Amino acid sequence: MMQTIPIETFLASLDDYDLIIDARSPCEYGESHIPRARNFYALSDEEHAQVGTIYKQVSPFEARLKGASFVCLNAARHIQELYPAYNPGSKIAIYCARGGMRSSSLGTIFSSIGYPIERVIGGYKSYRTFITGYLENLPAINFLTLMGHTGCGKSDLLQELTNVIDLEKMANHYGSVFGDVNGAQPTQKEFQNRLVHAVLGLDVTQGAFVEAESKRIGKIMLPNSLYHQMDSGLRIEITAPIEQRVIRIMRMYDHMDESFFMGRMERISPYISRDDKASSITAFLNGDLARVSEILLTQYYDKVYKVTIKPTLTICNDDHAKTIETLKEIQREQRF
């Protein structure tokens, strides 16, 4: 049995689904998708393009005929993934680009087997309408914004705190010229999806931790509504001894290859002296990551770091466990 549901009903029970099926092509799915969705495509990228061409150049009927043959072949493969991983009592939702033929075709096949399927009206387009509308009208969030120099442990602190929005993790970027060391970033749409679900998961009755960022994290742009709320929150400066900062930064450089490092050193050339640049490169080539980290922290990161809004209070993060307890106490005080 398959029934259609509006996007509001789907989102209200998002966490209850055992499986969320994205019936779009792998390319569409890869650009952005609903969290936890799996790509059981009705048409592959090549098939999707081929059917579209037939629709425009031949006829809608011929396109549907070709598309149906592709869908049946793909559905046969997906069924092998459905069972036994998901039993007939599993709660399953399906969507495609606009809630049309692709989700309807796959949903009909799966429901005819005995799976109860809920097809989202309007598909991914209706979901994106919700996302963009939500970002334009964010609820009031009592942000506890962690600021401070590179290497002071702000990201590590966020990992152990609750009621957190970790923007750098969602953007897969450290927010600096070396920030994309872990690989490609998500698309802007995918970041927005992650962000909205992170906000929806917050307890708005207490303070929410976030790290201070510029409006851009790598290639990702923060929504103005979020950025302004972060700026107006309680600003907590995190400091740390240089020795501890060096150890933290070494983790980042530990898996950085030579071509990546050299490319990023060229980018920062206008902001670091010729001698310090040369010393950093020599140390990197010699495997002396501690020296690389110390030079870049003191001669680059600290010099380009600018404070536009003064902190409300400062915490020295020389004792990680103690800092966590202090931040938790501040959070408890912010409950309302």
Protein backbone atom coordinates (compact mmCIF):
# COMPACT_ATOMS: atom_id res chain seq x y z
CA MET A 1 0.00 0.00 0.00
CA MET A 2 1.29 3.48 -0.85
CA GLN A 3 -0.10 6.74 0.45
CA THR A 4 0.90 10.33 -0.19
CA ILE A 5 1.75 12.67 2.67
CA PRO A 6 2.52 16.40 2.82
CA ILE A 7 6.03 17.58 3.66
CA GLU A 8 4.87 18.78 7.09
CA THR A 9 3.70 15.28 8.08
CA PHE A 10 6.90 13.75 6.76
CA LEU A 11 9.16 16.15 8.69
CA ALA A 12 7.17 15.75 11.90
CA SER A 13 7.97 12.02 11.95
CA LEU A 14 11.37 12.15 10.23
CA ASP A 15 13.18 10.26 13.01
CA ASP A 16 10.56 7.50 13.04
CA TYR A 17 11.34 6.17 9.57
CA ASP A 18 13.33 2.98 9.24
CA LEU A 19 14.23 3.95 5.68
CA ILE A 20 13.96 7.14 3.65
CA ILE A 21 14.36 6.55 -0.08
CA ASP A 22 15.68 9.23 -2.41
CA ALA A 23 14.53 8.11 -5.87
CA ARG A 24 16.43 10.81 -7.76
CA SER A 25 19.57 10.19 -9.80
CA PRO A 26 22.92 9.69 -8.01
CA CYS A 27 24.10 13.13 -9.19
CA GLU A 28 21.03 14.86 -7.74
CA TYR A 29 21.41 12.90 -4.51
CA GLY A 30 25.12 13.72 -4.30
CA GLU A 31 24.45 17.45 -4.58
CA SER A 32 22.15 17.45 -1.55
CA HIS A 33 19.53 15.24 0.05
CA ILE A 34 17.38 14.79 3.12
CA PRO A 35 19.43 13.55 6.12
CA ARG A 36 19.48 9.75 6.50
CA ALA A 37 18.01 9.23 3.01
CA ARG A 38 19.45 6.41 0.88
CA ASN A 39 19.71 6.67 -2.88
CA PHE A 40 17.54 3.98 -4.47
CA TYR A 41 17.45 5.73 -7.82
CA ALA A 42 14.64 5.16 -10.31
CA LEU A 43 16.94 6.32 -13.10
CA SER A 44 20.72 6.55 -13.16
CA ASP A 45 22.35 9.80 -14.26
CA GLU A 46 22.76 8.52 -17.81
CA GLU A 47 19.23 7.09 -17.92
CA HIS A 48 17.75 10.30 -16.54
CA ALA A 49 19.47 12.33 -19.26
CA GLN A 50 18.43 9.87 -21.95
CA VAL A 51 14.77 9.88 -20.93
CA GLY A 52 14.78 13.69 -20.82
CA THR A 53 16.18 13.87 -24.34
CA ILE A 54 13.56 11.44 -25.67
CA TYR A 55 10.83 13.47 -23.96
CA LYS A 56 11.92 16.68 -25.70
CA GLN A 57 12.97 15.30 -29.08
CA VAL A 58 10.59 12.37 -29.65
CA SER A 59 7.49 12.23 -27.44
CA PRO A 60 6.37 12.01 -23.80
CA PHE A 61 4.98 8.52 -24.46
CA GLU A 62 8.29 7.19 -25.80
CA ALA A 63 10.06 8.76 -22.83
CA ARG A 64 7.72 7.10 -20.34
CA LEU A 65 8.12 3.78 -22.16
CA LYS A 66 11.91 3.96 -21.96
CA GLY A 67 11.82 5.23 -18.39
CA ALA A 68 9.56 2.40 -17.25
CA SER A 69 11.98 -0.21 -18.58
CA PHE A 70 14.87 1.44 -16.73
CA VAL A 71 12.85 1.74 -13.50
CA CYS A 72 11.95 -1.96 -13.53
CA LEU A 73 15.57 -3.01 -13.95
CA ASN A 74 16.76 -0.65 -11.21
CA ALA A 75 13.93 -1.67 -8.87
CA ALA A 76 14.97 -5.31 -9.24
CA ARG A 77 18.43 -4.43 -7.93
CA HIS A 78 17.08 -2.25 -5.10
CA ILE A 79 14.79 -5.05 -3.92
CA GLN A 80 17.90 -7.04 -3.05
CA GLU A 81 18.87 -4.20 -0.70
CA LEU A 82 15.38 -3.86 0.75
CA TYR A 83 15.06 -7.44 1.94
CA PRO A 84 16.09 -8.84 4.34
CA ALA A 85 17.47 -5.54 5.68
CA TYR A 86 13.91 -4.16 6.03
CA ASN A 87 10.94 -6.30 6.93
CA PRO A 88 7.41 -5.64 5.58
CA GLY A 89 6.50 -3.77 8.76
CA SER A 90 9.24 -1.17 8.29
CA LYS A 91 8.24 2.49 8.13
CA ILE A 92 9.43 3.73 4.72
CA ALA A 93 9.16 7.10 3.00
CA ILE A 94 10.08 7.90 -0.60
CA TYR A 95 10.61 11.13 -2.52
CA CYS A 96 11.95 12.29 -5.87
CA ALA A 97 12.55 15.75 -7.30
CA ARG A 98 8.93 16.95 -7.30
CA GLY A 99 6.97 13.97 -6.03
CA GLY A 100 6.29 12.73 -9.56
CA MET A 101 6.91 9.67 -11.69
CA ARG A 102 10.17 8.45 -10.20
CA SER A 103 8.98 8.14 -6.60
CA SER A 104 5.55 6.98 -7.76
CA SER A 105 7.01 4.24 -9.97
CA LEU A 106 9.43 2.85 -7.40
CA GLY A 107 6.92 3.30 -4.58
CA THR A 108 4.27 1.35 -6.50
CA ILE A 109 6.65 -1.57 -7.06
CA PHE A 110 7.80 -1.68 -3.43
CA SER A 111 4.28 -1.33 -2.07
CA SER A 112 3.00 -4.11 -4.35
CA ILE A 113 5.48 -6.45 -2.66
CA GLY A 114 4.00 -5.61 0.72
CA TYR A 115 5.96 -2.63 1.99
CA PRO A 116 3.83 0.27 3.32
CA ILE A 117 5.22 3.31 1.49
CA GLU A 118 4.64 6.99 2.25
CA ARG A 119 5.36 9.20 -0.78
CA VAL A 120 6.18 12.84 -0.04
CA ILE A 121 4.01 15.31 -1.94
CA GLY A 122 6.16 17.81 -3.82
CA GLY A 123 9.27 15.70 -3.24
CA TYR A 124 12.65 17.29 -2.65
CA LYS A 125 11.43 20.63 -3.99
CA SER A 126 8.92 20.93 -1.14
CA TYR A 127 11.66 19.97 1.33
CA ARG A 128 13.96 22.69 0.02
CA THR A 129 11.12 25.23 0.24
CA PHE A 130 10.83 24.32 3.91
CA ILE A 131 14.61 24.62 4.43
CA THR A 132 14.98 28.05 2.83
CA GLY A 133 11.89 29.38 4.59
CA TYR A 134 13.15 28.13 7.95
CA LEU A 135 16.53 29.79 7.47
CA GLU A 136 14.84 33.10 6.69
CA ASN A 137 12.85 32.86 9.91
CA LEU A 138 15.15 31.21 12.43
CA PRO A 139 13.83 30.96 15.98
CA ALA A 140 15.55 33.02 18.67
CA ILE A 141 18.61 31.09 19.87
CA ASN A 142 20.52 31.96 23.01
CA PHE A 143 23.99 31.43 21.58
CA LEU A 144 27.10 30.90 23.68
CA THR A 145 29.70 31.81 21.07
CA LEU A 146 33.22 30.46 21.57
CA MET A 147 35.90 32.72 20.10
CA GLY A 148 39.68 32.80 20.28
CA HIS A 149 42.90 32.10 18.44
CA THR A 150 43.53 29.02 16.31
CA GLY A 151 44.51 25.94 18.31
CA CYS A 152 42.87 26.91 21.59
CA GLY A 153 40.64 23.83 21.48
CA LYS A 154 37.26 25.30 20.58
CA SER A 155 36.36 22.41 18.26
CA ASP A 156 37.46 19.85 20.85
CA LEU A 157 35.27 21.53 23.45
CA LEU A 158 32.24 21.43 21.16
CA GLN A 159 32.66 17.67 20.80
CA GLU A 160 32.06 17.16 24.54
CA LEU A 161 29.36 19.76 25.13
CA THR A 162 25.61 19.39 24.55
CA ASN A 163 23.19 21.63 22.67
CA VAL A 164 25.82 22.42 20.06
CA ILE A 165 25.93 23.58 16.45
CA ASP A 166 29.28 22.54 14.98
CA LEU A 167 29.47 24.63 11.81
CA GLU A 168 32.98 23.57 10.82
CA LYS A 169 32.07 19.90 11.07
CA MET A 170 28.96 20.44 8.93
CA ALA A 171 31.00 22.44 6.40
CA ASN A 172 33.95 19.97 6.53
CA HIS A 173 36.30 22.92 6.84
CA TYR A 174 38.36 24.45 9.66
CA GLY A 175 37.59 28.00 8.55
CA SER A 176 41.17 28.89 7.58
CA VAL A 177 43.37 28.77 4.47
CA PHE A 178 44.36 25.22 5.47
CA GLY A 179 40.78 24.41 6.39
CA ASP A 180 39.94 22.02 3.55
CA VAL A 181 42.63 19.53 4.54
CA ASN A 182 39.98 16.82 5.10
CA GLY A 183 38.69 16.94 1.53
CA ALA A 184 35.78 18.39 -0.38
CA GLN A 185 33.09 20.46 1.26
CA PRO A 186 29.38 19.77 0.87
CA THR A 187 27.34 21.93 -1.47
CA GLN A 188 25.66 25.05 -0.11
CA LYS A 189 22.30 23.27 -0.26
CA GLU A 190 23.60 20.25 1.63
CA PHE A 191 25.12 22.49 4.31
CA GLN A 192 21.81 24.31 4.68
CA ASN A 193 20.00 21.00 5.11
CA ARG A 194 22.43 19.92 7.84
CA LEU A 195 22.21 23.30 9.54
CA VAL A 196 18.42 23.37 9.72
CA HIS A 197 18.24 19.88 11.24
CA ALA A 198 20.93 20.85 13.75
CA VAL A 199 18.89 23.89 14.79
CA LEU A 200 15.71 21.80 14.98
CA GLY A 201 17.56 19.52 17.40
CA LEU A 202 18.45 22.33 19.80
CA ASP A 203 16.83 22.88 23.18
CA VAL A 204 15.92 26.58 22.85
CA THR A 205 15.30 26.86 26.59
CA GLN A 206 19.04 26.81 27.27
CA GLY A 207 22.21 28.24 25.81
CA ALA A 208 23.50 26.73 22.57
CA PHE A 209 27.23 26.53 21.93
CA VAL A 210 28.68 27.58 18.59
CA GLU A 211 32.12 28.62 17.41
CA ALA A 212 32.58 32.17 16.16
CA GLU A 213 33.03 32.19 12.38
CA SER A 214 33.26 34.67 9.57
CA LYS A 215 30.35 34.76 7.14
CA ARG A 216 32.20 32.29 4.92
CA ILE A 217 33.59 28.88 5.91
CA GLY A 218 35.63 27.86 2.91
CA LYS A 219 33.12 28.05 0.05
CA ILE A 220 30.10 27.85 2.37
CA MET A 221 28.16 31.01 3.21
CA LEU A 222 26.42 31.29 6.56
CA PRO A 223 22.83 32.57 6.51
CA ASN A 224 22.57 36.17 7.69
CA SER A 225 19.91 35.19 10.22
CA LEU A 226 22.29 32.75 11.90
CA TYR A 227 25.35 34.97 11.66
CA HIS A 228 23.64 37.92 13.37
CA GLN A 229 22.34 35.74 16.21
CA MET A 230 25.82 34.28 16.75
CA ASP A 231 27.28 37.78 16.90
CA SER A 232 24.72 38.95 19.45
CA GLY A 233 25.19 35.96 21.77
CA LEU A 234 27.27 35.69 24.92
CA ARG A 235 30.84 35.74 23.60
CA ILE A 236 33.31 33.51 25.44
CA GLU A 237 36.99 33.84 24.58
CA ILE A 238 38.98 30.59 24.83
CA THR A 239 42.73 30.91 25.32
CA ALA A 240 45.44 28.28 25.75
CA PRO A 241 49.24 28.02 26.22
CA ILE A 242 51.19 27.99 22.97
CA GLU A 243 52.53 24.49 23.73
CA GLN A 244 49.01 23.05 23.78
CA ARG A 245 48.01 24.99 20.68
CA VAL A 246 50.97 23.57 18.79
CA ILE A 247 49.95 20.00 19.70
CA ARG A 248 46.42 20.58 18.44
CA ILE A 249 47.52 22.12 15.15
CA MET A 250 49.98 19.27 14.57
CA ARG A 251 46.99 16.93 14.24
CA MET A 252 45.87 18.90 11.20
CA TYR A 253 49.27 18.96 9.52
CA ASP A 254 49.94 15.30 10.26
CA HIS A 255 48.01 14.04 7.22
CA MET A 256 48.66 17.02 4.93
CA ASP A 257 50.50 16.11 1.73
CA GLU A 258 53.30 18.22 0.29
CA SER A 259 51.42 19.63 -2.70
CA PHE A 260 48.52 20.75 -0.51
CA PHE A 261 50.87 22.39 2.01
CA MET A 262 52.89 24.20 -0.65
CA GLY A 263 49.77 25.48 -2.35
CA ARG A 264 48.40 26.90 0.89
CA MET A 265 51.75 28.48 1.75
CA GLU A 266 51.60 30.36 -1.54
CA ARG A 267 48.14 31.65 -0.62
CA ILE A 268 49.36 33.13 2.66
CA SER A 269 52.53 34.66 1.16
CA PRO A 270 51.14 38.23 1.40
CA TYR A 271 50.54 37.78 5.13
CA ILE A 272 53.78 36.14 6.31
CA SER A 273 57.39 37.22 6.05
CA ARG A 274 59.65 35.62 3.49
CA ASP A 275 61.90 34.18 6.21
CA ASP A 276 59.01 32.68 8.18
CA LYS A 277 57.56 31.17 5.01
CA ALA A 278 60.92 29.60 4.12
CA SER A 279 61.39 28.29 7.67
CA SER A 280 57.91 26.74 7.63
CA ILE A 281 58.55 24.97 4.35
CA THR A 282 61.95 23.68 5.47
CA ALA A 283 60.47 22.39 8.73
CA PHE A 284 57.62 20.68 6.85
CA LEU A 285 59.98 18.96 4.44
CA ASN A 286 62.07 17.80 7.41
CA GLY A 287 58.99 16.40 9.12
CA ASP A 288 59.23 18.89 11.99
CA LEU A 289 55.51 19.54 12.33
CA ALA A 290 55.89 21.10 15.77
CA ARG A 291 58.08 23.83 14.29
CA VAL A 292 55.70 24.33 11.36
CA SER A 293 52.79 24.70 13.76
CA GLU A 294 54.60 27.15 16.03
CA ILE A 295 55.66 29.41 13.16
CA LEU A 296 52.24 29.48 11.54
CA LEU A 297 50.44 30.06 14.83
CA THR A 298 52.62 32.95 15.96
CA GLN A 299 53.59 34.50 12.63
CA TYR A 300 50.42 33.97 10.62
CA TYR A 301 47.24 32.90 12.43
CA ASP A 302 47.65 35.18 15.45
CA LYS A 303 48.56 38.16 13.30
CA VAL A 304 45.58 37.89 10.95
CA TYR A 305 43.09 37.12 13.74
CA LYS A 306 40.84 40.13 14.29
CA VAL A 307 38.38 40.70 17.11
CA THR A 308 35.46 42.87 16.02
CA ILE A 309 33.39 42.32 19.16
CA LYS A 310 35.03 42.07 22.58
CA PRO A 311 34.36 38.90 24.61
CA THR A 312 32.04 38.91 27.60
CA LEU A 313 34.44 36.67 29.52
CA THR A 314 37.68 34.75 28.97
CA ILE A 315 38.50 31.16 29.91
CA CYS A 316 42.02 29.73 29.79
CA ASN A 317 41.74 26.22 28.37
CA ASP A 318 44.89 24.84 29.98
CA ASP A 319 42.80 22.14 31.69
CA HIS A 320 40.29 20.67 29.24
CA ALA A 321 38.08 18.94 31.83
CA LYS A 322 37.92 22.08 33.97
CA THR A 323 37.00 24.21 30.95
CA ILE A 324 34.17 21.82 30.07
CA GLU A 325 32.74 22.11 33.59
CA THR A 326 33.00 25.89 33.51
CA LEU A 327 31.17 26.05 30.18
CA LYS A 328 28.47 23.68 31.43
CA GLU A 329 27.95 25.92 34.45
CA ILE A 330 27.60 28.96 32.18
CA GLN A 331 25.08 27.01 30.11
CA ARG A 332 23.06 26.13 33.20
CA GLU A 333 22.99 29.81 34.17
CA GLN A 334 21.61 30.68 30.74
CA ARG A 335 18.58 28.38 31.05
CA PHE A 336 15.21 30.10 30.91
